[in-house]
Amino acid sequence: MNVQTEGYHFQIMRRAIELVDQVGPTATLEELAAAMDMSPAHFQRVFTQWAGVSPKRFSQYLTLGHAKALLRDRFTTLETAHATGLSGTGRLHDMFLRWEAMSPGEYATGAEGREIYWGWFDSPFGPALVMGTDKGICGIAFSAESGEEEAMRDMTSRWPAARFVEAPEKLAQWTQTAFGTGPGEVPLVLIGAPFQIKVWEALMQVPSGYVTTYSEIAEAIGNPKAVRAVGTAVGRNPISYLIPCHRALRKSGGLGGYHWGLPVKRAILAWEGAREDA
């Protein structure tokens, strides 16, 4: 199954997720399929291809208790993630990610003189706006909740002095690898303030299917009292999914926020958890 197919499936799954939210996990396969205007057999097949598990099983990952269950069963302190081998088990670490940071001086000038390429791509979570330089991907935004116009405005406002050029062909190979449909490596270019970059580097230590908390990130970067600032830096992460800000939860087990919409965050967490279990 290619990314375009998975992107189409996400639009169906998005409606199904909204329905599960409304009626709860007790909804039958027949009820869900009827609401989607699909036969039960076709809905079951499409859903299982996208999520890796049945609709009934997937609904368990969407309950309000799922985040708390993740913290209980799949919480990883960032300091021990590598030592315990967890960082080698997730999808993110099955491909080779390498990253470098833009200098603080360049960041302070709003990436002046930088040429940033952009293009729209299908992803497992709906349309994705991907941005990058000659050195690698510097931004991924999801527009399922915000809309394409707002996603573009949001991303371009982060580096106001850069020159943006529509050139999806320059990003296609990296994007295919990022979403699991192509070979090779995914180079990342981190464009942010030094504190933000420290937070983003810490997030990349959290394996797929696992979660951490804002307070653990603060501990990991050596600033345990900066929980609120960490939350802000997580929310300003420009490279969604690859820098997995969706894996950061509140200590209470709450989902916290997500820049591209909580439905997308819930879908990504549930999708990763289901595939890890499967």
C-alpha atoms as a PDB file:
ATOM      1  CA  MET A   1       0.000   0.000   0.000  1.00  0.00           C
ATOM      2  CA  ASN A   2       1.466   3.360  -1.035  1.00  0.00           C
ATOM      3  CA  VAL A   3       1.277   6.670   0.800  1.00  0.00           C
ATOM      4  CA  GLN A   4      -1.383   8.037  -1.548  1.00  0.00           C
ATOM      5  CA  THR A   5      -3.626   5.088  -0.687  1.00  0.00           C
ATOM      6  CA  GLU A   6      -2.911   5.520   3.018  1.00  0.00           C
ATOM      7  CA  GLY A   7      -3.721   9.224   2.714  1.00  0.00           C
ATOM      8  CA  TYR A   8      -7.072   8.367   1.146  1.00  0.00           C
ATOM      9  CA  HIS A   9      -7.687   5.826   3.898  1.00  0.00           C
ATOM     10  CA  PHE A  10      -6.930   8.463   6.525  1.00  0.00           C
ATOM     11  CA  GLN A  11      -9.813  10.597   5.252  1.00  0.00           C
ATOM     12  CA  ILE A  12     -12.114   7.625   5.789  1.00  0.00           C
ATOM     13  CA  MET A  13     -10.533   6.822   9.134  1.00  0.00           C
ATOM     14  CA  ARG A  14     -10.869  10.426  10.220  1.00  0.00           C
ATOM     15  CA  ARG A  15     -14.639  10.168   9.824  1.00  0.00           C
ATOM     16  CA  ALA A  16     -14.620   6.806  11.586  1.00  0.00           C
ATOM     17  CA  ILE A  17     -12.581   8.247  14.467  1.00  0.00           C
ATOM     18  CA  GLU A  18     -15.091  11.079  14.842  1.00  0.00           C
ATOM     19  CA  LEU A  19     -17.892   8.504  14.904  1.00  0.00           C
ATOM     20  CA  VAL A  20     -16.137   6.397  17.545  1.00  0.00           C
ATOM     21  CA  ASP A  21     -15.769   9.564  19.616  1.00  0.00           C
ATOM     22  CA  GLN A  22     -19.505  10.168  19.366  1.00  0.00           C
ATOM     23  CA  VAL A  23     -20.833   6.664  20.015  1.00  0.00           C
ATOM     24  CA  GLY A  24     -17.941   5.128  21.947  1.00  0.00           C
ATOM     25  CA  PRO A  25     -16.076   1.853  21.428  1.00  0.00           C
ATOM     26  CA  THR A  26     -19.303  -0.159  21.643  1.00  0.00           C
ATOM     27  CA  ALA A  27     -20.207   0.662  18.039  1.00  0.00           C
ATOM     28  CA  THR A  28     -20.437  -2.472  15.900  1.00  0.00           C
ATOM     29  CA  LEU A  29     -18.631  -3.014  12.621  1.00  0.00           C
ATOM     30  CA  GLU A  30     -21.971  -2.852  10.815  1.00  0.00           C
ATOM     31  CA  GLU A  31     -22.846   0.501  12.424  1.00  0.00           C
ATOM     32  CA  LEU A  32     -19.484   2.026  11.571  1.00  0.00           C
ATOM     33  CA  ALA A  33     -19.592   0.725   8.002  1.00  0.00           C
ATOM     34  CA  ALA A  34     -23.128   2.045   7.462  1.00  0.00           C
ATOM     35  CA  ALA A  35     -22.068   5.495   8.689  1.00  0.00           C
ATOM     36  CA  MET A  36     -19.202   5.402   6.164  1.00  0.00           C
ATOM     37  CA  ASP A  37     -21.559   4.295   3.345  1.00  0.00           C
ATOM     38  CA  MET A  38     -19.445   1.180   2.911  1.00  0.00           C
ATOM     39  CA  SER A  39     -20.099  -2.525   3.209  1.00  0.00           C
ATOM     40  CA  PRO A  40     -18.855  -4.112   6.454  1.00  0.00           C
ATOM     41  CA  ALA A  41     -16.361  -6.286   4.548  1.00  0.00           C
ATOM     42  CA  HIS A  42     -14.910  -3.357   2.574  1.00  0.00           C
ATOM     43  CA  PHE A  43     -14.733  -1.117   5.635  1.00  0.00           C
ATOM     44  CA  GLN A  44     -13.006  -3.841   7.655  1.00  0.00           C
ATOM     45  CA  ARG A  45     -10.468  -4.390   4.858  1.00  0.00           C
ATOM     46  CA  VAL A  46      -9.698  -0.672   4.358  1.00  0.00           C
ATOM     47  CA  PHE A  47      -9.470  -0.026   8.084  1.00  0.00           C
ATOM     48  CA  THR A  48      -7.176  -2.978   8.738  1.00  0.00           C
ATOM     49  CA  GLN A  49      -4.884  -2.012   5.853  1.00  0.00           C
ATOM     50  CA  TRP A  50      -4.450   1.481   7.318  1.00  0.00           C
ATOM     51  CA  ALA A  51      -4.320   0.724  11.051  1.00  0.00           C
ATOM     52  CA  GLY A  52      -2.894  -2.781  11.048  1.00  0.00           C
ATOM     53  CA  VAL A  53      -5.702  -3.977  13.342  1.00  0.00           C
ATOM     54  CA  SER A  54      -9.481  -4.317  13.177  1.00  0.00           C
ATOM     55  CA  PRO A  55     -11.839  -1.358  13.769  1.00  0.00           C
ATOM     56  CA  LYS A  56     -12.934  -2.886  17.067  1.00  0.00           C
ATOM     57  CA  ARG A  57      -9.352  -3.219  18.267  1.00  0.00           C
ATOM     58  CA  PHE A  58      -8.376   0.221  17.005  1.00  0.00           C
ATOM     59  CA  SER A  59     -11.215   1.884  18.904  1.00  0.00           C
ATOM     60  CA  GLN A  60      -9.476   0.851  22.118  1.00  0.00           C
ATOM     61  CA  TYR A  61      -6.511   3.013  21.149  1.00  0.00           C
ATOM     62  CA  LEU A  62      -8.776   6.029  20.794  1.00  0.00           C
ATOM     63  CA  THR A  63     -10.348   5.943  24.241  1.00  0.00           C
ATOM     64  CA  LEU A  64      -9.544   8.666  26.725  1.00  0.00           C
ATOM     65  CA  GLY A  65      -7.633   6.124  28.812  1.00  0.00           C
ATOM     66  CA  HIS A  66      -5.208   5.250  26.048  1.00  0.00           C
ATOM     67  CA  ALA A  67      -2.786   8.069  26.859  1.00  0.00           C
ATOM     68  CA  LYS A  68      -2.726   7.018  30.499  1.00  0.00           C
ATOM     69  CA  ALA A  69      -2.178   3.402  29.476  1.00  0.00           C
ATOM     70  CA  LEU A  70       0.749   4.499  27.312  1.00  0.00           C
ATOM     71  CA  LEU A  71       2.314   6.303  30.250  1.00  0.00           C
ATOM     72  CA  ARG A  72       1.818   3.231  32.407  1.00  0.00           C
ATOM     73  CA  ASP A  73       3.016   0.602  29.938  1.00  0.00           C
ATOM     74  CA  ARG A  74       5.175   2.402  27.359  1.00  0.00           C
ATOM     75  CA  PHE A  75       6.695   5.316  29.171  1.00  0.00           C
ATOM     76  CA  THR A  76      10.392   5.768  28.546  1.00  0.00           C
ATOM     77  CA  THR A  77      12.724   8.109  30.343  1.00  0.00           C
ATOM     78  CA  LEU A  78      14.879   9.712  27.704  1.00  0.00           C
ATOM     79  CA  GLU A  79      18.075   9.139  29.651  1.00  0.00           C
ATOM     80  CA  THR A  80      17.665   5.353  29.504  1.00  0.00           C
ATOM     81  CA  ALA A  81      16.019   4.923  26.092  1.00  0.00           C
ATOM     82  CA  HIS A  82      19.242   4.050  24.317  1.00  0.00           C
ATOM     83  CA  ALA A  83      20.641   1.999  27.180  1.00  0.00           C
ATOM     84  CA  THR A  84      17.581  -0.264  27.274  1.00  0.00           C
ATOM     85  CA  GLY A  85      17.514  -0.738  23.524  1.00  0.00           C
ATOM     86  CA  LEU A  86      14.124   0.895  23.067  1.00  0.00           C
ATOM     87  CA  SER A  87      15.450   3.395  20.589  1.00  0.00           C
ATOM     88  CA  GLY A  88      16.212   0.590  18.156  1.00  0.00           C
ATOM     89  CA  THR A  89      12.690  -0.842  18.061  1.00  0.00           C
ATOM     90  CA  GLY A  90      10.557   1.957  16.636  1.00  0.00           C
ATOM     91  CA  ARG A  91       9.726   2.831  13.050  1.00  0.00           C
ATOM     92  CA  LEU A  92      11.523   6.146  13.368  1.00  0.00           C
ATOM     93  CA  HIS A  93      14.773   4.391  14.166  1.00  0.00           C
ATOM     94  CA  ASP A  94      14.415   1.687  11.540  1.00  0.00           C
ATOM     95  CA  MET A  95      15.476   4.265   8.967  1.00  0.00           C
ATOM     96  CA  PHE A  96      18.575   6.336   9.131  1.00  0.00           C
ATOM     97  CA  LEU A  97      17.867   9.842  10.373  1.00  0.00           C
ATOM     98  CA  ARG A  98      20.629  12.383  10.554  1.00  0.00           C
ATOM     99  CA  TRP A  99      20.239  16.009  11.432  1.00  0.00           C
ATOM    100  CA  GLU A 100      22.126  19.231  11.690  1.00  0.00           C
ATOM    101  CA  ALA A 101      21.091  22.572  13.160  1.00  0.00           C
ATOM    102  CA  MET A 102      21.161  25.957  11.520  1.00  0.00           C
ATOM    103  CA  SER A 103      23.461  28.339  13.356  1.00  0.00           C
ATOM    104  CA  PRO A 104      21.855  30.656  15.946  1.00  0.00           C
ATOM    105  CA  GLY A 105      22.919  33.603  13.829  1.00  0.00           C
ATOM    106  CA  GLU A 106      21.112  32.323  10.752  1.00  0.00           C
ATOM    107  CA  TYR A 107      18.025  31.587  12.810  1.00  0.00           C
ATOM    108  CA  ALA A 108      18.043  35.081  14.296  1.00  0.00           C
ATOM    109  CA  THR A 109      17.907  36.606  10.806  1.00  0.00           C
ATOM    110  CA  GLY A 110      14.807  34.576   9.880  1.00  0.00           C
ATOM    111  CA  ALA A 111      16.802  32.295   7.560  1.00  0.00           C
ATOM    112  CA  GLU A 112      17.658  35.271   5.375  1.00  0.00           C
ATOM    113  CA  GLY A 113      19.110  34.215   2.050  1.00  0.00           C
ATOM    114  CA  ARG A 114      18.028  30.594   2.500  1.00  0.00           C
ATOM    115  CA  GLU A 115      16.111  28.954  -0.319  1.00  0.00           C
ATOM    116  CA  ILE A 116      13.427  26.674   1.087  1.00  0.00           C
ATOM    117  CA  TYR A 117      11.650  24.281  -1.260  1.00  0.00           C
ATOM    118  CA  TRP A 118       8.103  23.123  -0.633  1.00  0.00           C
ATOM    119  CA  GLY A 119       5.516  20.719  -1.961  1.00  0.00           C
ATOM    120  CA  TRP A 120       2.302  18.944  -1.024  1.00  0.00           C
ATOM    121  CA  PHE A 121       2.354  15.169  -0.553  1.00  0.00           C
ATOM    122  CA  ASP A 122      -0.014  12.441   0.534  1.00  0.00           C
ATOM    123  CA  SER A 123       0.742  10.923   3.933  1.00  0.00           C
ATOM    124  CA  PRO A 124      -0.860   8.297   6.176  1.00  0.00           C
ATOM    125  CA  PHE A 125      -2.428  11.237   8.059  1.00  0.00           C
ATOM    126  CA  GLY A 126      -3.816  13.296   5.214  1.00  0.00           C
ATOM    127  CA  PRO A 127      -2.195  16.003   3.059  1.00  0.00           C
ATOM    128  CA  ALA A 128       1.291  16.964   4.245  1.00  0.00           C
ATOM    129  CA  LEU A 129       3.154  20.154   3.421  1.00  0.00           C
ATOM    130  CA  VAL A 130       6.858  19.289   3.267  1.00  0.00           C
ATOM    131  CA  MET A 131       9.602  21.909   3.228  1.00  0.00           C
ATOM    132  CA  GLY A 132      13.340  21.510   2.893  1.00  0.00           C
ATOM    133  CA  THR A 133      16.668  22.958   1.833  1.00  0.00           C
ATOM    134  CA  ASP A 134      19.372  21.359  -0.294  1.00  0.00           C
ATOM    135  CA  LYS A 135      20.557  19.653   2.906  1.00  0.00           C
ATOM    136  CA  GLY A 136      17.314  18.042   4.068  1.00  0.00           C
ATOM    137  CA  ILE A 137      13.753  18.388   5.336  1.00  0.00           C
ATOM    138  CA  CYS A 138      13.128  21.392   7.587  1.00  0.00           C
ATOM    139  CA  GLY A 139       9.356  21.285   7.910  1.00  0.00           C
ATOM    140  CA  ILE A 140       6.336  18.947   7.794  1.00  0.00           C
ATOM    141  CA  ALA A 141       2.812  20.218   8.428  1.00  0.00           C
ATOM    142  CA  PHE A 142      -0.507  18.348   8.332  1.00  0.00           C
ATOM    143  CA  SER A 143      -3.522  20.190   6.934  1.00  0.00           C
ATOM    144  CA  ALA A 144      -6.368  17.774   7.746  1.00  0.00           C
ATOM    145  CA  GLU A 145      -7.604  20.067  10.524  1.00  0.00           C
ATOM    146  CA  SER A 146      -6.174  23.501   9.705  1.00  0.00           C
ATOM    147  CA  GLY A 147      -6.576  23.522   5.922  1.00  0.00           C
ATOM    148  CA  GLU A 148      -3.843  23.936   3.315  1.00  0.00           C
ATOM    149  CA  GLU A 149      -3.860  27.746   3.249  1.00  0.00           C
ATOM    150  CA  GLU A 150      -3.370  28.043   7.019  1.00  0.00           C
ATOM    151  CA  ALA A 151      -0.683  25.342   7.038  1.00  0.00           C
ATOM    152  CA  MET A 152       1.260  27.233   4.383  1.00  0.00           C
ATOM    153  CA  ARG A 153       0.881  30.575   6.194  1.00  0.00           C
ATOM    154  CA  ASP A 154       1.997  28.999   9.471  1.00  0.00           C
ATOM    155  CA  MET A 155       5.114  27.397   8.030  1.00  0.00           C
ATOM    156  CA  THR A 156       6.294  30.338   5.930  1.00  0.00           C
ATOM    157  CA  SER A 157       5.891  32.698   8.898  1.00  0.00           C
ATOM    158  CA  ARG A 158       8.510  30.736  10.834  1.00  0.00           C
ATOM    159  CA  TRP A 159      11.326  31.814   8.494  1.00  0.00           C
ATOM    160  CA  PRO A 160      10.079  35.154   7.135  1.00  0.00           C
ATOM    161  CA  ALA A 161      13.303  36.167   5.378  1.00  0.00           C
ATOM    162  CA  ALA A 162      13.727  32.913   3.450  1.00  0.00           C
ATOM    163  CA  ARG A 163      12.848  32.532  -0.222  1.00  0.00           C
ATOM    164  CA  PHE A 164      10.201  29.833  -0.747  1.00  0.00           C
ATOM    165  CA  VAL A 165      10.217  27.895  -4.010  1.00  0.00           C
ATOM    166  CA  GLU A 166       7.638  25.296  -5.022  1.00  0.00           C
ATOM    167  CA  ALA A 167       9.757  22.283  -5.999  1.00  0.00           C
ATOM    168  CA  PRO A 168       8.214  18.993  -4.800  1.00  0.00           C
ATOM    169  CA  GLU A 169      10.595  17.006  -6.984  1.00  0.00           C
ATOM    170  CA  LYS A 170      13.497  18.067  -4.733  1.00  0.00           C
ATOM    171  CA  LEU A 171      11.711  16.630  -1.683  1.00  0.00           C
ATOM    172  CA  ALA A 172       9.977  13.565  -3.096  1.00  0.00           C
ATOM    173  CA  GLN A 173      12.602  10.937  -2.272  1.00  0.00           C
ATOM    174  CA  TRP A 174      13.082  12.133   1.313  1.00  0.00           C
ATOM    175  CA  THR A 175       9.322  12.322   1.783  1.00  0.00           C
ATOM    176  CA  GLN A 176       8.770   8.792   0.505  1.00  0.00           C
ATOM    177  CA  THR A 177      11.390   7.499   2.924  1.00  0.00           C
ATOM    178  CA  ALA A 178       9.934   9.559   5.765  1.00  0.00           C
ATOM    179  CA  PHE A 179       6.526   7.936   5.346  1.00  0.00           C
ATOM    180  CA  GLY A 180       7.889   4.449   4.848  1.00  0.00           C
ATOM    181  CA  THR A 181       7.525   3.956   1.098  1.00  0.00           C
ATOM    182  CA  GLY A 182      11.053   4.631  -0.127  1.00  0.00           C
ATOM    183  CA  PRO A 183      14.644   3.589   0.552  1.00  0.00           C
ATOM    184  CA  GLY A 184      17.528   5.724   1.695  1.00  0.00           C
ATOM    185  CA  GLU A 185      17.959   8.183   4.515  1.00  0.00           C
ATOM    186  CA  VAL A 186      16.095  11.250   5.722  1.00  0.00           C
ATOM    187  CA  PRO A 187      18.355  14.222   6.489  1.00  0.00           C
ATOM    188  CA  LEU A 188      16.774  16.875   8.709  1.00  0.00           C
ATOM    189  CA  VAL A 189      17.691  20.536   9.037  1.00  0.00           C
ATOM    190  CA  LEU A 190      16.665  21.924  12.425  1.00  0.00           C
ATOM    191  CA  ILE A 191      15.852  25.625  12.149  1.00  0.00           C
ATOM    192  CA  GLY A 192      15.170  27.034  15.590  1.00  0.00           C
ATOM    193  CA  ALA A 193      16.534  28.700  18.683  1.00  0.00           C
ATOM    194  CA  PRO A 194      19.182  26.713  20.631  1.00  0.00           C
ATOM    195  CA  PHE A 195      16.735  25.792  23.422  1.00  0.00           C
ATOM    196  CA  GLN A 196      14.147  24.592  20.925  1.00  0.00           C
ATOM    197  CA  ILE A 197      16.712  22.436  19.134  1.00  0.00           C
ATOM    198  CA  LYS A 198      17.717  20.765  22.412  1.00  0.00           C
ATOM    199  CA  VAL A 199      14.071  19.869  23.000  1.00  0.00           C
ATOM    200  CA  TRP A 200      13.623  18.553  19.456  1.00  0.00           C
ATOM    201  CA  GLU A 201      16.763  16.421  19.717  1.00  0.00           C
ATOM    202  CA  ALA A 202      15.391  14.920  22.940  1.00  0.00           C
ATOM    203  CA  LEU A 203      12.083  14.092  21.232  1.00  0.00           C
ATOM    204  CA  MET A 204      13.937  12.100  18.576  1.00  0.00           C
ATOM    205  CA  GLN A 205      15.054   9.675  21.295  1.00  0.00           C
ATOM    206  CA  VAL A 206      11.449   8.511  21.908  1.00  0.00           C
ATOM    207  CA  PRO A 207      10.739   5.356  19.869  1.00  0.00           C
ATOM    208  CA  SER A 208       7.587   4.742  17.857  1.00  0.00           C
ATOM    209  CA  GLY A 209       4.838   3.282  20.056  1.00  0.00           C
ATOM    210  CA  TYR A 210       6.267   4.866  23.222  1.00  0.00           C
ATOM    211  CA  VAL A 211       5.668   8.198  24.936  1.00  0.00           C
ATOM    212  CA  THR A 212       7.330  10.594  27.333  1.00  0.00           C
ATOM    213  CA  THR A 213       6.266  13.664  29.319  1.00  0.00           C
ATOM    214  CA  TYR A 214       7.129  17.331  29.134  1.00  0.00           C
ATOM    215  CA  SER A 215       8.785  17.101  32.548  1.00  0.00           C
ATOM    216  CA  GLU A 216      10.983  14.193  31.406  1.00  0.00           C
ATOM    217  CA  ILE A 217      12.107  16.215  28.408  1.00  0.00           C
ATOM    218  CA  ALA A 218      12.992  19.090  30.718  1.00  0.00           C
ATOM    219  CA  GLU A 219      15.035  16.685  32.862  1.00  0.00           C
ATOM    220  CA  ALA A 220      16.763  15.231  29.813  1.00  0.00           C
ATOM    221  CA  ILE A 221      17.951  18.621  28.568  1.00  0.00           C
ATOM    222  CA  GLY A 222      19.251  19.549  32.012  1.00  0.00           C
ATOM    223  CA  ASN A 223      16.619  22.141  32.861  1.00  0.00           C
ATOM    224  CA  PRO A 224      14.010  20.391  35.051  1.00  0.00           C
ATOM    225  CA  LYS A 225      12.184  23.598  35.963  1.00  0.00           C
ATOM    226  CA  ALA A 226      11.570  24.583  32.352  1.00  0.00           C
ATOM    227  CA  VAL A 227       8.489  22.407  31.805  1.00  0.00           C
ATOM    228  CA  ARG A 228       6.369  25.264  30.452  1.00  0.00           C
ATOM    229  CA  ALA A 229       9.146  26.389  28.100  1.00  0.00           C
ATOM    230  CA  VAL A 230       9.569  22.781  26.952  1.00  0.00           C
ATOM    231  CA  GLY A 231       5.863  22.618  26.141  1.00  0.00           C
ATOM    232  CA  THR A 232       6.183  25.757  24.044  1.00  0.00           C
ATOM    233  CA  ALA A 233       9.220  24.359  22.196  1.00  0.00           C
ATOM    234  CA  VAL A 234       7.387  21.085  21.544  1.00  0.00           C
ATOM    235  CA  GLY A 235       4.480  23.045  20.089  1.00  0.00           C
ATOM    236  CA  ARG A 236       6.824  24.997  17.808  1.00  0.00           C
ATOM    237  CA  ASN A 237       8.410  21.885  16.334  1.00  0.00           C
ATOM    238  CA  PRO A 238       8.410  22.472  12.563  1.00  0.00           C
ATOM    239  CA  ILE A 239       9.046  18.865  11.480  1.00  0.00           C
ATOM    240  CA  SER A 240       5.938  17.002  12.595  1.00  0.00           C
ATOM    241  CA  TYR A 241       6.034  13.212  12.823  1.00  0.00           C
ATOM    242  CA  LEU A 242       9.795  12.855  12.237  1.00  0.00           C
ATOM    243  CA  ILE A 243      10.495  14.949  15.314  1.00  0.00           C
ATOM    244  CA  PRO A 244       7.739  13.159  17.236  1.00  0.00           C
ATOM    245  CA  CYS A 245       6.139  15.916  19.299  1.00  0.00           C
ATOM    246  CA  HIS A 246       2.962  13.801  19.269  1.00  0.00           C
ATOM    247  CA  ARG A 247       4.708  11.427  21.727  1.00  0.00           C
ATOM    248  CA  ALA A 248       4.947  14.103  24.434  1.00  0.00           C
ATOM    249  CA  LEU A 249       2.112  13.884  26.986  1.00  0.00           C
ATOM    250  CA  ARG A 250       1.215  15.630  30.183  1.00  0.00           C
ATOM    251  CA  LYS A 251       2.324  13.944  33.378  1.00  0.00           C
ATOM    252  CA  SER A 252      -1.345  13.401  34.256  1.00  0.00           C
ATOM    253  CA  GLY A 253      -1.817  11.307  31.127  1.00  0.00           C
ATOM    254  CA  GLY A 254      -3.587  14.067  29.213  1.00  0.00           C
ATOM    255  CA  LEU A 255      -2.758  14.454  25.549  1.00  0.00           C
ATOM    256  CA  GLY A 256      -1.718  18.064  25.930  1.00  0.00           C
ATOM    257  CA  GLY A 257      -1.869  20.119  22.752  1.00  0.00           C
ATOM    258  CA  TYR A 258      -0.884  19.464  19.165  1.00  0.00           C
ATOM    259  CA  HIS A 259      -0.156  22.186  16.670  1.00  0.00           C
ATOM    260  CA  TRP A 260      -1.952  20.454  13.800  1.00  0.00           C
ATOM    261  CA  GLY A 261      -5.019  19.399  15.793  1.00  0.00           C
ATOM    262  CA  LEU A 262      -5.654  16.859  18.540  1.00  0.00           C
ATOM    263  CA  PRO A 263      -7.554  14.501  16.179  1.00  0.00           C
ATOM    264  CA  VAL A 264      -4.341  14.149  14.144  1.00  0.00           C
ATOM    265  CA  LYS A 265      -2.278  13.567  17.308  1.00  0.00           C
ATOM    266  CA  ARG A 266      -4.687  10.904  18.520  1.00  0.00           C
ATOM    267  CA  ALA A 267      -4.688   9.241  15.112  1.00  0.00           C
ATOM    268  CA  ILE A 268      -0.874   9.151  14.937  1.00  0.00           C
ATOM    269  CA  LEU A 269      -0.519   7.764  18.480  1.00  0.00           C
ATOM    270  CA  ALA A 270      -3.205   5.164  17.877  1.00  0.00           C
ATOM    271  CA  TRP A 271      -1.743   4.223  14.476  1.00  0.00           C
ATOM    272  CA  GLU A 272       1.764   3.807  15.948  1.00  0.00           C
ATOM    273  CA  GLY A 273       0.486   1.873  18.971  1.00  0.00           C
ATOM    274  CA  ALA A 274      -1.638  -0.452  16.845  1.00  0.00           C
ATOM    275  CA  ARG A 275       1.209  -1.185  14.434  1.00  0.00           C
ATOM    276  CA  GLU A 276       3.659  -1.749  17.283  1.00  0.00           C
ATOM    277  CA  ASP A 277       1.269  -4.292  18.822  1.00  0.00           C
ATOM    278  CA  ALA A 278       0.484  -5.891  15.476  1.00  0.00           C
END
